[in-house]
Amino acid sequence: MASKEGTEVEVRKYLQQSHDRIFENNKKWAEEMHKKKPEFFKDLSAGQSPDYLWIGCSDSRIPAEALTGVDPGEMFIHRNIANLVNNIDLNVMSVVNYAVRHLKVKHIIVCGHYGCGGVKAAMTPKDMGLLNPWLRNIRDVYRLHQDELDKCEGETKYDRLVELNVWEQCRNVIKTAAVQQSYKENEFPIVHGWVFGFNDGLLKDLKFDHEGQLAEIQKIYNLAEFSSGEY
């Protein structure tokens, strides 16, 4: 049986190696990019002009750039638990505002994923402590669609709530003044709802009807006529 001291030494060694690996990988990546395109880092340092804003889940298994095949500088990214767009979350609201008003993104993608731990937690009748206020946003989506969801069973129920959550977050995006005003003036950004599947690695387009949903939203949340500079 290994001694406690021996185990602690192994743990420290592992932590150091896992830390060093990041810098080794970074060096290799920088060298490879420079070989492929000598002007790459010069162009990168000149500024960004991404076409896409990606609002995704914090899950470590979903690397947005890798699975979409875009290069650095092409996608502005925000991630949080269960890809929520909460109007009192200054983080995501600041991201949307900056991406739309200053970066002039053409597309906003809300991307969830099947097997989302946040969605499953929200469907669990349990006190989650600090997570309660955050998960309540997902529980509210469940409440809005409970008739449909209660007819589903097993994993199908979780998967459908993942999709409905993405749909509702897309609606939250187009409730913002920045998106409404920019779309009226420029006909962009267009909002999309996608879901990533671990089983096949593919993205599913939920066919979010941007124009139709915008027209419906603006019956109550019409901010397109104002220009306060806020979200």
Foldseek 3Di string as FASTA:
>chain_A
DDDPVRVVVVVVVVVVVVVVVVVVVVVVVVVVVCVVPVCVVVVVVVDAQAQEEEQEAPPPVCDPCVLVVDDPRHYHYDYYQLRADDPPPVVNQVSLLCCCVPSVHQEYEREYEQPRPLLVVLVDPDDPPPCVVVSVLLVVLCVVVVVVLVVDDDSVSSRVSSQSRQLVRLLSSLLDQSQLQSCVVPVDRFYWYWYAYPVVRDIDTPPRDRVVSNVVSCVPSPNNVDDPSGD
